[in-house]
Amino acid sequence: MRRNLLATAVLLGLALLQIGCSTARRGEALGMPVALGTPAEARGQQVFMQHCQQCHPGGAGGLGPALNDKPLPGFMIRLQVRNGLGAMPAFSERQIAPAELDDLIAYLKALRRAGRDA
């Protein structure tokens, strides 16, 4: 059981490393504003602007990789935000509360949808 857990953790770490080390300029900023359909997405946009915008401008690649073209499920985004990877810092629950992280994930999914529709 412990070996399976360790193997899973190693594979997850390798997957995150691949995502975190991908080309930083892989996406483009969205040319039009993102249509926010829910209050959670609007709150998530505020969290994004406060904590993410400077490295991932408009969801595109900047100092960090693009976010608007990553098909990561919510739990992987949560893991990345909480643990960081490479140059990305980890954000504690004091910095981004659990409810704020849920809203941020909703906003990132809205960015992804807008990128597909563009």
PDB file of N, CA and C in Angstrom:
ATOM      1  N   MET A   1       0.830  -1.191   0.000  1.00  0.00           N
ATOM      2  CA  MET A   1       0.000   0.000   0.000  1.00  0.00           C
ATOM      3  C   MET A   1       0.872   1.250   0.000  1.00  0.00           C
ATOM      4  N   ARG A   2       1.901   1.247   0.856  1.00  0.00           N
ATOM      5  CA  ARG A   2       2.774   2.413   0.952  1.00  0.00           C
ATOM      6  C   ARG A   2       3.562   2.612  -0.342  1.00  0.00           C
ATOM      7  N   ARG A   3       3.956   1.507  -0.970  1.00  0.00           N
ATOM      8  CA  ARG A   3       4.678   1.575  -2.237  1.00  0.00           C
ATOM      9  C   ARG A   3       3.810   2.173  -3.340  1.00  0.00           C
ATOM     10  N   ASN A   4       2.539   1.773  -3.368  1.00  0.00           N
ATOM     11  CA  ASN A   4       1.612   2.324  -4.364  1.00  0.00           C
ATOM     12  C   ASN A   4       1.420   3.816  -4.166  1.00  0.00           C
ATOM     13  N   LEU A   5       1.322   4.236  -2.928  1.00  0.00           N
ATOM     14  CA  LEU A   5       1.163   5.657  -2.633  1.00  0.00           C
ATOM     15  C   LEU A   5       2.399   6.432  -3.061  1.00  0.00           C
ATOM     16  N   LEU A   6       3.570   5.892  -2.781  1.00  0.00           N
ATOM     17  CA  LEU A   6       4.818   6.536  -3.179  1.00  0.00           C
ATOM     18  C   LEU A   6       4.931   6.604  -4.703  1.00  0.00           C
ATOM     19  N   ALA A   7       4.585   5.526  -5.385  1.00  0.00           N
ATOM     20  CA  ALA A   7       4.645   5.508  -6.849  1.00  0.00           C
ATOM     21  C   ALA A   7       3.678   6.533  -7.436  1.00  0.00           C
ATOM     22  N   THR A   8       2.507   6.634  -6.869  1.00  0.00           N
ATOM     23  CA  THR A   8       1.527   7.616  -7.329  1.00  0.00           C
ATOM     24  C   THR A   8       2.047   9.030  -7.122  1.00  0.00           C
ATOM     25  N   ALA A   9       2.645   9.286  -5.971  1.00  0.00           N
ATOM     26  CA  ALA A   9       3.190  10.611  -5.681  1.00  0.00           C
ATOM     27  C   ALA A   9       4.321  10.960  -6.646  1.00  0.00           C
ATOM     28  N   VAL A  10       5.174   9.996  -6.948  1.00  0.00           N
ATOM     29  CA  VAL A  10       6.278  10.238  -7.890  1.00  0.00           C
ATOM     30  C   VAL A  10       5.723  10.538  -9.279  1.00  0.00           C
ATOM     31  N   LEU A  11       4.756   9.760  -9.746  1.00  0.00           N
ATOM     32  CA  LEU A  11       4.164   9.999 -11.063  1.00  0.00           C
ATOM     33  C   LEU A  11       3.472  11.348 -11.124  1.00  0.00           C
ATOM     34  N   LEU A  12       2.775  11.708 -10.074  1.00  0.00           N
ATOM     35  CA  LEU A  12       2.116  13.009 -10.017  1.00  0.00           C
ATOM     36  C   LEU A  12       3.151  14.122 -10.048  1.00  0.00           C
ATOM     37  N   GLY A  13       4.226  13.950  -9.307  1.00  0.00           N
ATOM     38  CA  GLY A  13       5.298  14.945  -9.308  1.00  0.00           C
ATOM     39  C   GLY A  13       5.923  15.103 -10.684  1.00  0.00           C
ATOM     40  N   LEU A  14       6.138  13.996 -11.376  1.00  0.00           N
ATOM     41  CA  LEU A  14       6.697  14.060 -12.725  1.00  0.00           C
ATOM     42  C   LEU A  14       5.746  14.748 -13.692  1.00  0.00           C
ATOM     43  N   ALA A  15       4.450  14.482 -13.550  1.00  0.00           N
ATOM     44  CA  ALA A  15       3.466  15.148 -14.408  1.00  0.00           C
ATOM     45  C   ALA A  15       3.462  16.647 -14.155  1.00  0.00           C
ATOM     46  N   LEU A  16       3.510  17.042 -12.889  1.00  0.00           N
ATOM     47  CA  LEU A  16       3.542  18.468 -12.571  1.00  0.00           C
ATOM     48  C   LEU A  16       4.832  19.114 -13.065  1.00  0.00           C
ATOM     49  N   LEU A  17       5.925  18.399 -12.983  1.00  0.00           N
ATOM     50  CA  LEU A  17       7.194  18.919 -13.483  1.00  0.00           C
ATOM     51  C   LEU A  17       7.107  19.158 -14.977  1.00  0.00           C
ATOM     52  N   GLN A  18       6.523  18.236 -15.706  1.00  0.00           N
ATOM     53  CA  GLN A  18       6.359  18.396 -17.152  1.00  0.00           C
ATOM     54  C   GLN A  18       5.507  19.615 -17.464  1.00  0.00           C
ATOM     55  N   ILE A  19       4.423  19.797 -16.737  1.00  0.00           N
ATOM     56  CA  ILE A  19       3.545  20.933 -16.964  1.00  0.00           C
ATOM     57  C   ILE A  19       4.250  22.236 -16.590  1.00  0.00           C
ATOM     58  N   GLY A  20       4.924  22.230 -15.458  1.00  0.00           N
ATOM     59  CA  GLY A  20       5.597  23.429 -14.986  1.00  0.00           C
ATOM     60  C   GLY A  20       6.792  23.822 -15.823  1.00  0.00           C
ATOM     61  N   CYS A  21       7.405  22.883 -16.510  1.00  0.00           N
ATOM     62  CA  CYS A  21       8.603  23.176 -17.305  1.00  0.00           C
ATOM     63  C   CYS A  21       8.292  23.320 -18.785  1.00  0.00           C
ATOM     64  N   SER A  22       7.027  23.332 -19.139  1.00  0.00           N
ATOM     65  CA  SER A  22       6.703  23.496 -20.546  1.00  0.00           C
ATOM     66  C   SER A  22       7.008  24.916 -20.992  1.00  0.00           C
ATOM     67  N   THR A  23       6.983  25.145 -22.263  1.00  0.00           N
ATOM     68  CA  THR A  23       7.327  26.452 -22.810  1.00  0.00           C
ATOM     69  C   THR A  23       6.442  27.530 -22.208  1.00  0.00           C
ATOM     70  N   ALA A  24       7.058  28.588 -21.727  1.00  0.00           N
ATOM     71  CA  ALA A  24       6.330  29.658 -21.056  1.00  0.00           C
ATOM     72  C   ALA A  24       5.430  30.424 -21.996  1.00  0.00           C
ATOM     73  N   ARG A  25       5.748  30.521 -23.240  1.00  0.00           N
ATOM     74  CA  ARG A  25       4.981  31.336 -24.179  1.00  0.00           C
ATOM     75  C   ARG A  25       4.026  30.498 -25.021  1.00  0.00           C
ATOM     76  N   ARG A  26       3.470  29.460 -24.460  1.00  0.00           N
ATOM     77  CA  ARG A  26       2.654  28.547 -25.234  1.00  0.00           C
ATOM     78  C   ARG A  26       1.260  29.057 -25.539  1.00  0.00           C
ATOM     79  N   GLY A  27       0.732  29.973 -24.788  1.00  0.00           N
ATOM     80  CA  GLY A  27      -0.610  30.478 -25.022  1.00  0.00           C
ATOM     81  C   GLY A  27      -0.577  31.949 -25.326  1.00  0.00           C
ATOM     82  N   GLU A  28      -1.695  32.444 -25.752  1.00  0.00           N
ATOM     83  CA  GLU A  28      -1.809  33.865 -26.012  1.00  0.00           C
ATOM     84  C   GLU A  28      -2.883  34.416 -25.109  1.00  0.00           C
ATOM     85  N   ALA A  29      -2.714  35.669 -24.737  1.00  0.00           N
ATOM     86  CA  ALA A  29      -3.748  36.335 -23.953  1.00  0.00           C
ATOM     87  C   ALA A  29      -5.012  36.407 -24.797  1.00  0.00           C
ATOM     88  N   LEU A  30      -6.137  36.320 -24.140  1.00  0.00           N
ATOM     89  CA  LEU A  30      -7.401  36.388 -24.848  1.00  0.00           C
ATOM     90  C   LEU A  30      -7.637  37.818 -25.307  1.00  0.00           C
ATOM     91  N   GLY A  31      -8.055  37.986 -26.548  1.00  0.00           N
ATOM     92  CA  GLY A  31      -8.246  39.314 -27.103  1.00  0.00           C
ATOM     93  C   GLY A  31      -9.476  40.019 -26.576  1.00  0.00           C
ATOM     94  N   MET A  32     -10.447  39.287 -26.108  1.00  0.00           N
ATOM     95  CA  MET A  32     -11.675  39.893 -25.616  1.00  0.00           C
ATOM     96  C   MET A  32     -11.860  39.518 -24.151  1.00  0.00           C
ATOM     97  N   PRO A  33     -12.665  40.290 -23.427  1.00  0.00           N
ATOM     98  CA  PRO A  33     -12.893  39.950 -22.024  1.00  0.00           C
ATOM     99  C   PRO A  33     -13.557  38.581 -21.894  1.00  0.00           C
ATOM    100  N   VAL A  34     -13.225  37.915 -20.827  1.00  0.00           N
ATOM    101  CA  VAL A  34     -13.804  36.603 -20.557  1.00  0.00           C
ATOM    102  C   VAL A  34     -15.220  36.798 -20.038  1.00  0.00           C
ATOM    103  N   ALA A  35     -16.168  36.073 -20.607  1.00  0.00           N
ATOM    104  CA  ALA A  35     -17.554  36.140 -20.147  1.00  0.00           C
ATOM    105  C   ALA A  35     -17.657  35.339 -18.847  1.00  0.00           C
ATOM    106  N   LEU A  36     -17.936  36.024 -17.766  1.00  0.00           N
ATOM    107  CA  LEU A  36     -18.034  35.380 -16.461  1.00  0.00           C
ATOM    108  C   LEU A  36     -19.504  35.078 -16.194  1.00  0.00           C
ATOM    109  N   GLY A  37     -19.821  33.796 -16.127  1.00  0.00           N
ATOM    110  CA  GLY A  37     -21.207  33.381 -16.006  1.00  0.00           C
ATOM    111  C   GLY A  37     -21.706  33.208 -14.585  1.00  0.00           C
ATOM    112  N   THR A  38     -20.800  33.167 -13.616  1.00  0.00           N
ATOM    113  CA  THR A  38     -21.233  32.926 -12.237  1.00  0.00           C
ATOM    114  C   THR A  38     -20.516  33.884 -11.287  1.00  0.00           C
ATOM    115  N   PRO A  39     -21.090  34.098 -10.110  1.00  0.00           N
ATOM    116  CA  PRO A  39     -20.397  34.908  -9.100  1.00  0.00           C
ATOM    117  C   PRO A  39     -19.053  34.295  -8.696  1.00  0.00           C
ATOM    118  N   ALA A  40     -18.959  32.969  -8.680  1.00  0.00           N
ATOM    119  CA  ALA A  40     -17.699  32.306  -8.320  1.00  0.00           C
ATOM    120  C   ALA A  40     -16.607  32.666  -9.322  1.00  0.00           C
ATOM    121  N   GLU A  41     -16.943  32.704 -10.609  1.00  0.00           N
ATOM    122  CA  GLU A  41     -15.955  33.070 -11.621  1.00  0.00           C
ATOM    123  C   GLU A  41     -15.504  34.521 -11.444  1.00  0.00           C
ATOM    124  N   ALA A  42     -16.437  35.403 -11.104  1.00  0.00           N
ATOM    125  CA  ALA A  42     -16.081  36.815 -10.878  1.00  0.00           C
ATOM    126  C   ALA A  42     -15.170  36.962  -9.654  1.00  0.00           C
ATOM    127  N   ARG A  43     -15.481  36.226  -8.585  1.00  0.00           N
ATOM    128  CA  ARG A  43     -14.608  36.267  -7.402  1.00  0.00           C
ATOM    129  C   ARG A  43     -13.247  35.657  -7.729  1.00  0.00           C
ATOM    130  N   GLY A  44     -13.260  34.593  -8.525  1.00  0.00           N
ATOM    131  CA  GLY A  44     -12.011  33.956  -8.939  1.00  0.00           C
ATOM    132  C   GLY A  44     -11.147  34.879  -9.771  1.00  0.00           C
ATOM    133  N   GLN A  45     -11.770  35.722 -10.576  1.00  0.00           N
ATOM    134  CA  GLN A  45     -11.019  36.698 -11.362  1.00  0.00           C
ATOM    135  C   GLN A  45     -10.281  37.662 -10.430  1.00  0.00           C
ATOM    136  N   GLN A  46     -10.927  38.063  -9.350  1.00  0.00           N
ATOM    137  CA  GLN A  46     -10.277  38.960  -8.380  1.00  0.00           C
ATOM    138  C   GLN A  46      -9.074  38.268  -7.732  1.00  0.00           C
ATOM    139  N   VAL A  47      -9.228  37.002  -7.376  1.00  0.00           N
ATOM    140  CA  VAL A  47      -8.112  36.238  -6.789  1.00  0.00           C
ATOM    141  C   VAL A  47      -6.984  36.134  -7.812  1.00  0.00           C
ATOM    142  N   PHE A  48      -7.337  35.858  -9.069  1.00  0.00           N
ATOM    143  CA  PHE A  48      -6.345  35.751 -10.136  1.00  0.00           C
ATOM    144  C   PHE A  48      -5.572  37.065 -10.284  1.00  0.00           C
ATOM    145  N   MET A  49      -6.291  38.174 -10.316  1.00  0.00           N
ATOM    146  CA  MET A  49      -5.636  39.474 -10.493  1.00  0.00           C
ATOM    147  C   MET A  49      -4.692  39.775  -9.327  1.00  0.00           C
ATOM    148  N   GLN A  50      -5.051  39.350  -8.150  1.00  0.00           N
ATOM    149  CA  GLN A  50      -4.225  39.611  -6.966  1.00  0.00           C
ATOM    150  C   GLN A  50      -2.991  38.713  -6.905  1.00  0.00           C
ATOM    151  N   HIS A  51      -3.132  37.444  -7.259  1.00  0.00           N
ATOM    152  CA  HIS A  51      -2.056  36.482  -7.019  1.00  0.00           C
ATOM    153  C   HIS A  51      -1.392  35.912  -8.281  1.00  0.00           C
ATOM    154  N   CYS A  52      -2.040  35.954  -9.431  1.00  0.00           N
ATOM    155  CA  CYS A  52      -1.562  35.211 -10.596  1.00  0.00           C
ATOM    156  C   CYS A  52      -1.208  36.071 -11.806  1.00  0.00           C
ATOM    157  N   GLN A  53      -1.870  37.198 -11.932  1.00  0.00           N
ATOM    158  CA  GLN A  53      -1.771  38.026 -13.133  1.00  0.00           C
ATOM    159  C   GLN A  53      -0.333  38.424 -13.476  1.00  0.00           C
ATOM    160  N   GLN A  54       0.475  38.725 -12.489  1.00  0.00           N
ATOM    161  CA  GLN A  54       1.809  39.224 -12.802  1.00  0.00           C
ATOM    162  C   GLN A  54       2.689  38.187 -13.496  1.00  0.00           C
ATOM    163  N   CYS A  55       2.462  36.913 -13.249  1.00  0.00           N
ATOM    164  CA  CYS A  55       3.267  35.865 -13.907  1.00  0.00           C
ATOM    165  C   CYS A  55       2.537  35.207 -15.077  1.00  0.00           C
ATOM    166  N   HIS A  56       1.219  35.249 -15.072  1.00  0.00           N
ATOM    167  CA  HIS A  56       0.400  34.622 -16.113  1.00  0.00           C
ATOM    168  C   HIS A  56      -0.560  35.671 -16.675  1.00  0.00           C
ATOM    169  N   PRO A  57      -0.055  36.711 -17.340  1.00  0.00           N
ATOM    170  CA  PRO A  57      -0.913  37.828 -17.772  1.00  0.00           C
ATOM    171  C   PRO A  57      -2.052  37.381 -18.683  1.00  0.00           C
ATOM    172  N   GLY A  58      -3.266  37.628 -18.241  1.00  0.00           N
ATOM    173  CA  GLY A  58      -4.434  37.248 -19.029  1.00  0.00           C
ATOM    174  C   GLY A  58      -4.562  35.759 -19.267  1.00  0.00           C
ATOM    175  N   GLY A  59      -3.869  34.966 -18.478  1.00  0.00           N
ATOM    176  CA  GLY A  59      -3.892  33.514 -18.659  1.00  0.00           C
ATOM    177  C   GLY A  59      -2.848  33.030 -19.646  1.00  0.00           C
ATOM    178  N   ALA A  60      -2.127  33.970 -20.270  1.00  0.00           N
ATOM    179  CA  ALA A  60      -1.104  33.607 -21.254  1.00  0.00           C
ATOM    180  C   ALA A  60       0.232  33.395 -20.561  1.00  0.00           C
ATOM    181  N   GLY A  61       1.198  32.932 -21.318  1.00  0.00           N
ATOM    182  CA  GLY A  61       2.535  32.753 -20.781  1.00  0.00           C
ATOM    183  C   GLY A  61       3.221  34.087 -20.575  1.00  0.00           C
ATOM    184  N   GLY A  62       3.949  34.185 -19.516  1.00  0.00           N
ATOM    185  CA  GLY A  62       4.753  35.354 -19.202  1.00  0.00           C
ATOM    186  C   GLY A  62       5.960  34.837 -18.462  1.00  0.00           C
ATOM    187  N   LEU A  63       6.076  35.206 -17.194  1.00  0.00           N
ATOM    188  CA  LEU A  63       7.111  34.593 -16.365  1.00  0.00           C
ATOM    189  C   LEU A  63       6.786  33.127 -16.109  1.00  0.00           C
ATOM    190  N   GLY A  64       5.508  32.817 -16.063  1.00  0.00           N
ATOM    191  CA  GLY A  64       5.048  31.443 -15.888  1.00  0.00           C
ATOM    192  C   GLY A  64       4.393  30.952 -17.166  1.00  0.00           C
ATOM    193  N   PRO A  65       4.095  29.664 -17.252  1.00  0.00           N
ATOM    194  CA  PRO A  65       3.470  29.119 -18.462  1.00  0.00           C
ATOM    195  C   PRO A  65       2.029  29.586 -18.626  1.00  0.00           C
ATOM    196  N   ALA A  66       1.524  29.436 -19.827  1.00  0.00           N
ATOM    197  CA  ALA A  66       0.132  29.782 -20.109  1.00  0.00           C
ATOM    198  C   ALA A  66      -0.803  28.895 -19.296  1.00  0.00           C
ATOM    199  N   LEU A  67      -1.910  29.466 -18.881  1.00  0.00           N
ATOM    200  CA  LEU A  67      -2.908  28.714 -18.126  1.00  0.00           C
ATOM    201  C   LEU A  67      -4.170  28.461 -18.940  1.00  0.00           C
ATOM    202  N   ASN A  68      -4.395  29.273 -19.968  1.00  0.00           N
ATOM    203  CA  ASN A  68      -5.649  29.185 -20.707  1.00  0.00           C
ATOM    204  C   ASN A  68      -5.687  28.038 -21.709  1.00  0.00           C
ATOM    205  N   ASP A  69      -4.608  27.261 -21.803  1.00  0.00           N
ATOM    206  CA  ASP A  69      -4.616  26.112 -22.704  1.00  0.00           C
ATOM    207  C   ASP A  69      -4.256  24.814 -21.979  1.00  0.00           C
ATOM    208  N   LYS A  70      -4.268  24.839 -20.658  1.00  0.00           N
ATOM    209  CA  LYS A  70      -3.925  23.651 -19.874  1.00  0.00           C
ATOM    210  C   LYS A  70      -5.203  22.902 -19.482  1.00  0.00           C
ATOM    211  N   PRO A  71      -5.316  21.635 -19.870  1.00  0.00           N
ATOM    212  CA  PRO A  71      -6.519  20.877 -19.540  1.00  0.00           C
ATOM    213  C   PRO A  71      -6.461  20.221 -18.156  1.00  0.00           C
ATOM    214  N   LEU A  72      -5.817  20.880 -17.202  1.00  0.00           N
ATOM    215  CA  LEU A  72      -5.699  20.283 -15.868  1.00  0.00           C
ATOM    216  C   LEU A  72      -7.046  20.230 -15.160  1.00  0.00           C
ATOM    217  N   PRO A  73      -7.331  19.110 -14.497  1.00  0.00           N
ATOM    218  CA  PRO A  73      -8.532  19.053 -13.659  1.00  0.00           C
ATOM    219  C   PRO A  73      -8.324  19.905 -12.407  1.00  0.00           C
ATOM    220  N   GLY A  74      -9.423  20.250 -11.766  1.00  0.00           N
ATOM    221  CA  GLY A  74      -9.386  21.121 -10.597  1.00  0.00           C
ATOM    222  C   GLY A  74      -8.449  20.660  -9.497  1.00  0.00           C
ATOM    223  N   PHE A  75      -8.405  19.358  -9.214  1.00  0.00           N
ATOM    224  CA  PHE A  75      -7.554  18.895  -8.111  1.00  0.00           C
ATOM    225  C   PHE A  75      -6.078  19.106  -8.423  1.00  0.00           C
ATOM    226  N   MET A  76      -5.691  19.055  -9.702  1.00  0.00           N
ATOM    227  CA  MET A  76      -4.292  19.299 -10.074  1.00  0.00           C
ATOM    228  C   MET A  76      -3.947  20.782  -9.952  1.00  0.00           C
ATOM    229  N   ILE A  77      -4.887  21.636 -10.318  1.00  0.00           N
ATOM    230  CA  ILE A  77      -4.672  23.080 -10.149  1.00  0.00           C
ATOM    231  C   ILE A  77      -4.502  23.379  -8.668  1.00  0.00           C
ATOM    232  N   ARG A  78      -5.376  22.786  -7.845  1.00  0.00           N
ATOM    233  CA  ARG A  78      -5.310  22.988  -6.398  1.00  0.00           C
ATOM    234  C   ARG A  78      -3.950  22.538  -5.853  1.00  0.00           C
ATOM    235  N   LEU A  79      -3.479  21.389  -6.288  1.00  0.00           N
ATOM    236  CA  LEU A  79      -2.193  20.857  -5.851  1.00  0.00           C
ATOM    237  C   LEU A  79      -1.056  21.792  -6.269  1.00  0.00           C
ATOM    238  N   GLN A  80      -1.104  22.287  -7.491  1.00  0.00           N
ATOM    239  CA  GLN A  80      -0.072  23.198  -7.996  1.00  0.00           C
ATOM    240  C   GLN A  80      -0.052  24.493  -7.191  1.00  0.00           C
ATOM    241  N   VAL A  81      -1.211  25.057  -6.922  1.00  0.00           N
ATOM    242  CA  VAL A  81      -1.286  26.318  -6.170  1.00  0.00           C
ATOM    243  C   VAL A  81      -0.781  26.116  -4.741  1.00  0.00           C
ATOM    244  N   ARG A  82      -1.173  25.052  -4.108  1.00  0.00           N
ATOM    245  CA  ARG A  82      -0.787  24.822  -2.709  1.00  0.00           C
ATOM    246  C   ARG A  82       0.692  24.453  -2.552  1.00  0.00           C
ATOM    247  N   ASN A  83       1.248  23.716  -3.515  1.00  0.00           N
ATOM    248  CA  ASN A  83       2.613  23.216  -3.368  1.00  0.00           C
ATOM    249  C   ASN A  83       3.647  23.965  -4.199  1.00  0.00           C
ATOM    250  N   GLY A  84       3.203  24.711  -5.205  1.00  0.00           N
ATOM    251  CA  GLY A  84       4.140  25.396  -6.082  1.00  0.00           C
ATOM    252  C   GLY A  84       4.947  24.388  -6.873  1.00  0.00           C
ATOM    253  N   LEU A  85       5.783  24.880  -7.765  1.00  0.00           N
ATOM    254  CA  LEU A  85       6.665  24.013  -8.537  1.00  0.00           C
ATOM    255  C   LEU A  85       7.627  24.904  -9.296  1.00  0.00           C
ATOM    256  N   GLY A  86       8.885  24.578  -9.241  1.00  0.00           N
ATOM    257  CA  GLY A  86       9.872  25.397  -9.931  1.00  0.00           C
ATOM    258  C   GLY A  86       9.857  26.813  -9.383  1.00  0.00           C
ATOM    259  N   ALA A  87       9.705  27.788 -10.261  1.00  0.00           N
ATOM    260  CA  ALA A  87       9.687  29.194  -9.852  1.00  0.00           C
ATOM    261  C   ALA A  87       8.352  29.604  -9.248  1.00  0.00           C
ATOM    262  N   MET A  88       7.325  28.787  -9.429  1.00  0.00           N
ATOM    263  CA  MET A  88       6.020  29.153  -8.884  1.00  0.00           C
ATOM    264  C   MET A  88       6.016  28.941  -7.376  1.00  0.00           C
ATOM    265  N   PRO A  89       5.616  29.979  -6.643  1.00  0.00           N
ATOM    266  CA  PRO A  89       5.563  29.820  -5.185  1.00  0.00           C
ATOM    267  C   PRO A  89       4.339  29.009  -4.766  1.00  0.00           C
ATOM    268  N   ALA A  90       4.415  28.449  -3.589  1.00  0.00           N
ATOM    269  CA  ALA A  90       3.257  27.786  -2.981  1.00  0.00           C
ATOM    270  C   ALA A  90       2.417  28.858  -2.302  1.00  0.00           C
ATOM    271  N   PHE A  91       1.107  28.713  -2.357  1.00  0.00           N
ATOM    272  CA  PHE A  91       0.192  29.643  -1.706  1.00  0.00           C
ATOM    273  C   PHE A  91      -0.539  28.894  -0.593  1.00  0.00           C
ATOM    274  N   SER A  92      -0.333  29.345   0.629  1.00  0.00           N
ATOM    275  CA  SER A  92      -0.945  28.695   1.788  1.00  0.00           C
ATOM    276  C   SER A  92      -2.430  29.047   1.881  1.00  0.00           C
ATOM    277  N   GLU A  93      -3.118  28.377   2.784  1.00  0.00           N
ATOM    278  CA  GLU A  93      -4.528  28.674   3.017  1.00  0.00           C
ATOM    279  C   GLU A  93      -4.713  30.066   3.610  1.00  0.00           C
ATOM    280  N   ARG A  94      -3.673  30.612   4.234  1.00  0.00           N
ATOM    281  CA  ARG A  94      -3.748  31.998   4.732  1.00  0.00           C
ATOM    282  C   ARG A  94      -3.704  32.980   3.567  1.00  0.00           C
ATOM    283  N   GLN A  95      -2.938  32.643   2.535  1.00  0.00           N
ATOM    284  CA  GLN A  95      -2.814  33.534   1.383  1.00  0.00           C
ATOM    285  C   GLN A  95      -4.021  33.439   0.458  1.00  0.00           C
ATOM    286  N   ILE A  96      -4.424  32.222   0.155  1.00  0.00           N
ATOM    287  CA  ILE A  96      -5.616  31.979  -0.663  1.00  0.00           C
ATOM    288  C   ILE A  96      -6.470  30.980   0.097  1.00  0.00           C
ATOM    289  N   ALA A  97      -7.561  31.459   0.639  1.00  0.00           N
ATOM    290  CA  ALA A  97      -8.461  30.606   1.427  1.00  0.00           C
ATOM    291  C   ALA A  97      -9.044  29.501   0.541  1.00  0.00           C
ATOM    292  N   PRO A  98      -9.469  28.385   1.134  1.00  0.00           N
ATOM    293  CA  PRO A  98     -10.033  27.295   0.336  1.00  0.00           C
ATOM    294  C   PRO A  98     -11.182  27.734  -0.577  1.00  0.00           C
ATOM    295  N   ALA A  99     -12.077  28.572  -0.078  1.00  0.00           N
ATOM    296  CA  ALA A  99     -13.195  29.040  -0.913  1.00  0.00           C
ATOM    297  C   ALA A  99     -12.682  29.911  -2.064  1.00  0.00           C
ATOM    298  N   GLU A 100     -11.657  30.717  -1.793  1.00  0.00           N
ATOM    299  CA  GLU A 100     -11.065  31.540  -2.852  1.00  0.00           C
ATOM    300  C   GLU A 100     -10.396  30.665  -3.906  1.00  0.00           C
ATOM    301  N   LEU A 101      -9.774  29.584  -3.474  1.00  0.00           N
ATOM    302  CA  LEU A 101      -9.136  28.674  -4.423  1.00  0.00           C
ATOM    303  C   LEU A 101     -10.188  28.003  -5.301  1.00  0.00           C
ATOM    304  N   ASP A 102     -11.324  27.643  -4.727  1.00  0.00           N
ATOM    305  CA  ASP A 102     -12.427  27.094  -5.526  1.00  0.00           C
ATOM    306  C   ASP A 102     -12.867  28.101  -6.582  1.00  0.00           C
ATOM    307  N   ASP A 103     -12.983  29.372  -6.186  1.00  0.00           N
ATOM    308  CA  ASP A 103     -13.380  30.424  -7.128  1.00  0.00           C
ATOM    309  C   ASP A 103     -12.311  30.632  -8.205  1.00  0.00           C
ATOM    310  N   LEU A 104     -11.048  30.585  -7.809  1.00  0.00           N
ATOM    311  CA  LEU A 104      -9.952  30.728  -8.767  1.00  0.00           C
ATOM    312  C   LEU A 104     -10.007  29.617  -9.811  1.00  0.00           C
ATOM    313  N   ILE A 105     -10.263  28.413  -9.373  1.00  0.00           N
ATOM    314  CA  ILE A 105     -10.367  27.280 -10.302  1.00  0.00           C
ATOM    315  C   ILE A 105     -11.535  27.495 -11.255  1.00  0.00           C
ATOM    316  N   ALA A 106     -12.652  27.995 -10.753  1.00  0.00           N
ATOM    317  CA  ALA A 106     -13.797  28.292 -11.629  1.00  0.00           C
ATOM    318  C   ALA A 106     -13.411  29.335 -12.671  1.00  0.00           C
ATOM    319  N   TYR A 107     -12.658  30.353 -12.268  1.00  0.00           N
ATOM    320  CA  TYR A 107     -12.216  31.382 -13.213  1.00  0.00           C
ATOM    321  C   TYR A 107     -11.254  30.800 -14.248  1.00  0.00           C
ATOM    322  N   LEU A 108     -10.321  29.965 -13.826  1.00  0.00           N
ATOM    323  CA  LEU A 108      -9.382  29.361 -14.772  1.00  0.00           C
ATOM    324  C   LEU A 108     -10.109  28.495 -15.796  1.00  0.00           C
ATOM    325  N   LYS A 109     -11.161  27.825 -15.369  1.00  0.00           N
ATOM    326  CA  LYS A 109     -11.958  27.029 -16.303  1.00  0.00           C
ATOM    327  C   LYS A 109     -12.702  27.941 -17.280  1.00  0.00           C
ATOM    328  N   ALA A 110     -13.137  29.125 -16.805  1.00  0.00           N
ATOM    329  CA  ALA A 110     -13.773  30.104 -17.704  1.00  0.00           C
ATOM    330  C   ALA A 110     -12.758  30.616 -18.722  1.00  0.00           C
ATOM    331  N   LEU A 111     -11.505  30.857 -18.287  1.00  0.00           N
ATOM    332  CA  LEU A 111     -10.447  31.267 -19.218  1.00  0.00           C
ATOM    333  C   LEU A 111     -10.237  30.206 -20.294  1.00  0.00           C
ATOM    334  N   ARG A 112     -10.224  28.969 -19.869  1.00  0.00           N
ATOM    335  CA  ARG A 112     -10.031  27.854 -20.807  1.00  0.00           C
ATOM    336  C   ARG A 112     -11.183  27.809 -21.832  1.00  0.00           C
ATOM    337  N   ARG A 113     -12.410  27.952 -21.348  1.00  0.00           N
ATOM    338  CA  ARG A 113     -13.561  27.951 -22.258  1.00  0.00           C
ATOM    339  C   ARG A 113     -13.463  29.103 -23.261  1.00  0.00           C
ATOM    340  N   ALA A 114     -13.089  30.284 -22.772  1.00  0.00           N
ATOM    341  CA  ALA A 114     -12.981  31.458 -23.645  1.00  0.00           C
ATOM    342  C   ALA A 114     -11.879  31.237 -24.678  1.00  0.00           C
ATOM    343  N   GLY A 115     -10.809  30.575 -24.295  1.00  0.00           N
ATOM    344  CA  GLY A 115      -9.724  30.283 -25.233  1.00  0.00           C
ATOM    345  C   GLY A 115     -10.159  29.338 -26.337  1.00  0.00           C
ATOM    346  N   ARG A 116     -11.007  28.371 -25.996  1.00  0.00           N
ATOM    347  CA  ARG A 116     -11.519  27.434 -27.001  1.00  0.00           C
ATOM    348  C   ARG A 116     -12.484  28.123 -27.942  1.00  0.00           C
ATOM    349  N   ASP A 117     -13.258  29.070 -27.408  1.00  0.00           N
ATOM    350  CA  ASP A 117     -14.286  29.743 -28.207  1.00  0.00           C
ATOM    351  C   ASP A 117     -13.718  30.842 -29.086  1.00  0.00           C
ATOM    352  N   ALA A 118     -12.495  31.290 -28.781  1.00  0.00           N
ATOM    353  CA  ALA A 118     -11.922  32.424 -29.531  1.00  0.00           C
ATOM    354  C   ALA A 118     -11.523  32.035 -30.934  1.00  0.00           C
TER     355      ALA A 118
END
